[in-house]
Amino acid sequence: MVNRVDEIRKMLKTDPSDSFLTYALGLEYEKAGNTKKAIETIKKLIESDPDYLGAYYKLGQLYETINKLDLARKIYAHGIKLSTEKNDFKSKGELEEALWLIELD
């Protein structure tokens, strides 16, 4: 059986700036139940590629998972601001909905 985390890490050695691979690595950590490593990976992605809008949604979700709702709100709000600047209304809508759902709880 192929370890997807190891495979993605191997690919990232070839191209460490590949945002999609970094995002995929974060998802694999999440699937494996390693929320801490998933958060670290997605935060690293945002630091290296702050325009990768999907990372804000995923990081917010991860923070919700560990009940860090204030951090989730901040990440969603930052993503909303960035998606507005980039005229990415699909991402903006998803982030706004995620923020709205937190406020319902």
C-alpha atoms as a PDB file:
ATOM      1  CA  MET A   1       0.000   0.000   0.000  1.00  0.00           C
ATOM      2  CA  VAL A   2       1.323   3.413  -0.990  1.00  0.00           C
ATOM      3  CA  ASN A   3       1.682   5.991   1.773  1.00  0.00           C
ATOM      4  CA  ARG A   4       0.206   9.127   0.187  1.00  0.00           C
ATOM      5  CA  VAL A   5       1.918  11.450   2.684  1.00  0.00           C
ATOM      6  CA  ASP A   6       5.323  10.022   1.757  1.00  0.00           C
ATOM      7  CA  GLU A   7       4.535  10.225  -1.963  1.00  0.00           C
ATOM      8  CA  ILE A   8       3.468  13.880  -1.750  1.00  0.00           C
ATOM      9  CA  ARG A   9       6.486  14.774   0.401  1.00  0.00           C
ATOM     10  CA  LYS A  10       8.725  13.147  -2.211  1.00  0.00           C
ATOM     11  CA  MET A  11       7.096  15.239  -4.955  1.00  0.00           C
ATOM     12  CA  LEU A  12       7.499  18.378  -2.850  1.00  0.00           C
ATOM     13  CA  LYS A  13      11.242  17.746  -2.642  1.00  0.00           C
ATOM     14  CA  THR A  14      11.296  18.159  -6.419  1.00  0.00           C
ATOM     15  CA  ASP A  15       9.169  21.316  -6.323  1.00  0.00           C
ATOM     16  CA  PRO A  16       8.843  22.737  -2.779  1.00  0.00           C
ATOM     17  CA  SER A  17       6.943  25.778  -4.033  1.00  0.00           C
ATOM     18  CA  ASP A  18       4.050  23.734  -5.455  1.00  0.00           C
ATOM     19  CA  SER A  19       1.055  25.137  -3.591  1.00  0.00           C
ATOM     20  CA  PHE A  20      -1.318  22.424  -4.775  1.00  0.00           C
ATOM     21  CA  LEU A  21       0.965  19.673  -3.459  1.00  0.00           C
ATOM     22  CA  THR A  22       1.330  21.463  -0.133  1.00  0.00           C
ATOM     23  CA  TYR A  23      -2.455  21.748   0.094  1.00  0.00           C
ATOM     24  CA  ALA A  24      -2.811  18.058  -0.787  1.00  0.00           C
ATOM     25  CA  LEU A  25      -0.303  17.179   1.931  1.00  0.00           C
ATOM     26  CA  GLY A  26      -2.380  19.075   4.472  1.00  0.00           C
ATOM     27  CA  LEU A  27      -5.481  17.167   3.369  1.00  0.00           C
ATOM     28  CA  GLU A  28      -3.665  13.859   3.746  1.00  0.00           C
ATOM     29  CA  TYR A  29      -2.559  14.751   7.265  1.00  0.00           C
ATOM     30  CA  GLU A  30      -6.169  15.632   8.057  1.00  0.00           C
ATOM     31  CA  LYS A  31      -7.410  12.298   6.646  1.00  0.00           C
ATOM     32  CA  ALA A  32      -4.843  10.480   8.773  1.00  0.00           C
ATOM     33  CA  GLY A  33      -6.213  12.213  11.876  1.00  0.00           C
ATOM     34  CA  ASN A  34      -3.154  14.398  12.390  1.00  0.00           C
ATOM     35  CA  THR A  35      -4.930  17.740  12.752  1.00  0.00           C
ATOM     36  CA  LYS A  36      -1.896  19.459  14.253  1.00  0.00           C
ATOM     37  CA  LYS A  37       0.299  18.574  11.266  1.00  0.00           C
ATOM     38  CA  ALA A  38      -2.520  19.507   8.866  1.00  0.00           C
ATOM     39  CA  ILE A  39      -2.772  22.955  10.482  1.00  0.00           C
ATOM     40  CA  GLU A  40       1.001  23.446  10.335  1.00  0.00           C
ATOM     41  CA  THR A  41       1.044  22.490   6.659  1.00  0.00           C
ATOM     42  CA  ILE A  42      -1.831  24.762   5.633  1.00  0.00           C
ATOM     43  CA  LYS A  43      -0.376  27.659   7.650  1.00  0.00           C
ATOM     44  CA  LYS A  44       2.938  27.126   5.830  1.00  0.00           C
ATOM     45  CA  LEU A  45       1.049  27.225   2.532  1.00  0.00           C
ATOM     46  CA  ILE A  46      -0.597  30.548   3.418  1.00  0.00           C
ATOM     47  CA  GLU A  47       2.789  31.989   4.404  1.00  0.00           C
ATOM     48  CA  SER A  48       4.392  30.940   1.114  1.00  0.00           C
ATOM     49  CA  ASP A  49       1.375  31.588  -1.131  1.00  0.00           C
ATOM     50  CA  PRO A  50      -1.046  34.000   0.558  1.00  0.00           C
ATOM     51  CA  ASP A  51      -3.227  34.109  -2.574  1.00  0.00           C
ATOM     52  CA  TYR A  52      -4.147  30.404  -2.360  1.00  0.00           C
ATOM     53  CA  LEU A  53      -7.727  31.047  -1.283  1.00  0.00           C
ATOM     54  CA  GLY A  54      -8.713  27.424  -0.651  1.00  0.00           C
ATOM     55  CA  ALA A  55      -6.179  27.310   2.169  1.00  0.00           C
ATOM     56  CA  TYR A  56      -8.165  29.852   4.201  1.00  0.00           C
ATOM     57  CA  TYR A  57     -11.302  27.734   4.041  1.00  0.00           C
ATOM     58  CA  LYS A  58      -9.425  24.557   4.978  1.00  0.00           C
ATOM     59  CA  LEU A  59      -7.490  26.211   7.813  1.00  0.00           C
ATOM     60  CA  GLY A  60     -10.711  27.652   9.198  1.00  0.00           C
ATOM     61  CA  GLN A  61     -12.293  24.201   9.126  1.00  0.00           C
ATOM     62  CA  LEU A  62      -9.290  22.703  10.881  1.00  0.00           C
ATOM     63  CA  TYR A  63      -9.477  25.337  13.619  1.00  0.00           C
ATOM     64  CA  GLU A  64     -13.177  24.581  14.023  1.00  0.00           C
ATOM     65  CA  THR A  65     -12.292  20.900  14.443  1.00  0.00           C
ATOM     66  CA  ILE A  66     -10.159  21.706  17.480  1.00  0.00           C
ATOM     67  CA  ASN A  67     -12.689  24.257  18.763  1.00  0.00           C
ATOM     68  CA  LYS A  68     -10.486  27.307  18.111  1.00  0.00           C
ATOM     69  CA  LEU A  69     -13.419  29.344  16.836  1.00  0.00           C
ATOM     70  CA  ASP A  70     -11.776  32.750  17.260  1.00  0.00           C
ATOM     71  CA  LEU A  71      -8.898  31.645  15.027  1.00  0.00           C
ATOM     72  CA  ALA A  72     -11.341  30.173  12.516  1.00  0.00           C
ATOM     73  CA  ARG A  73     -13.257  33.467  12.399  1.00  0.00           C
ATOM     74  CA  LYS A  74     -10.046  35.433  11.805  1.00  0.00           C
ATOM     75  CA  ILE A  75      -8.913  33.108   9.022  1.00  0.00           C
ATOM     76  CA  TYR A  76     -12.326  33.164   7.323  1.00  0.00           C
ATOM     77  CA  ALA A  77     -12.475  36.973   7.585  1.00  0.00           C
ATOM     78  CA  HIS A  78      -9.002  37.329   6.097  1.00  0.00           C
ATOM     79  CA  GLY A  79      -9.962  34.968   3.268  1.00  0.00           C
ATOM     80  CA  ILE A  80     -13.142  36.973   2.614  1.00  0.00           C
ATOM     81  CA  LYS A  81     -11.133  40.189   2.381  1.00  0.00           C
ATOM     82  CA  LEU A  82      -8.615  38.607   0.020  1.00  0.00           C
ATOM     83  CA  SER A  83     -11.258  36.957  -2.163  1.00  0.00           C
ATOM     84  CA  THR A  84     -13.041  40.309  -2.459  1.00  0.00           C
ATOM     85  CA  GLU A  85      -9.804  41.967  -3.589  1.00  0.00           C
ATOM     86  CA  LYS A  86      -9.289  39.176  -6.142  1.00  0.00           C
ATOM     87  CA  ASN A  87     -12.918  39.276  -7.346  1.00  0.00           C
ATOM     88  CA  ASP A  88     -13.247  35.568  -6.547  1.00  0.00           C
ATOM     89  CA  PHE A  89     -16.884  35.552  -5.562  1.00  0.00           C
ATOM     90  CA  LYS A  90     -17.194  31.767  -5.372  1.00  0.00           C
ATOM     91  CA  SER A  91     -14.472  31.562  -2.707  1.00  0.00           C
ATOM     92  CA  LYS A  92     -15.893  34.634  -0.986  1.00  0.00           C
ATOM     93  CA  GLY A  93     -19.319  33.016  -0.769  1.00  0.00           C
ATOM     94  CA  GLU A  94     -17.913  29.784   0.664  1.00  0.00           C
ATOM     95  CA  LEU A  95     -15.900  31.666   3.270  1.00  0.00           C
ATOM     96  CA  GLU A  96     -18.839  33.893   4.194  1.00  0.00           C
ATOM     97  CA  GLU A  97     -21.046  30.837   4.634  1.00  0.00           C
ATOM     98  CA  ALA A  98     -18.437  29.147   6.846  1.00  0.00           C
ATOM     99  CA  LEU A  99     -18.205  32.278   8.996  1.00  0.00           C
ATOM    100  CA  TRP A 100     -21.985  32.565   9.154  1.00  0.00           C
ATOM    101  CA  LEU A 101     -22.313  28.942  10.310  1.00  0.00           C
ATOM    102  CA  ILE A 102     -19.914  29.591  13.189  1.00  0.00           C
ATOM    103  CA  GLU A 103     -22.031  32.540  14.265  1.00  0.00           C
ATOM    104  CA  LEU A 104     -25.133  30.321  14.388  1.00  0.00           C
ATOM    105  CA  ASP A 105     -23.607  28.100  17.070  1.00  0.00           C
END
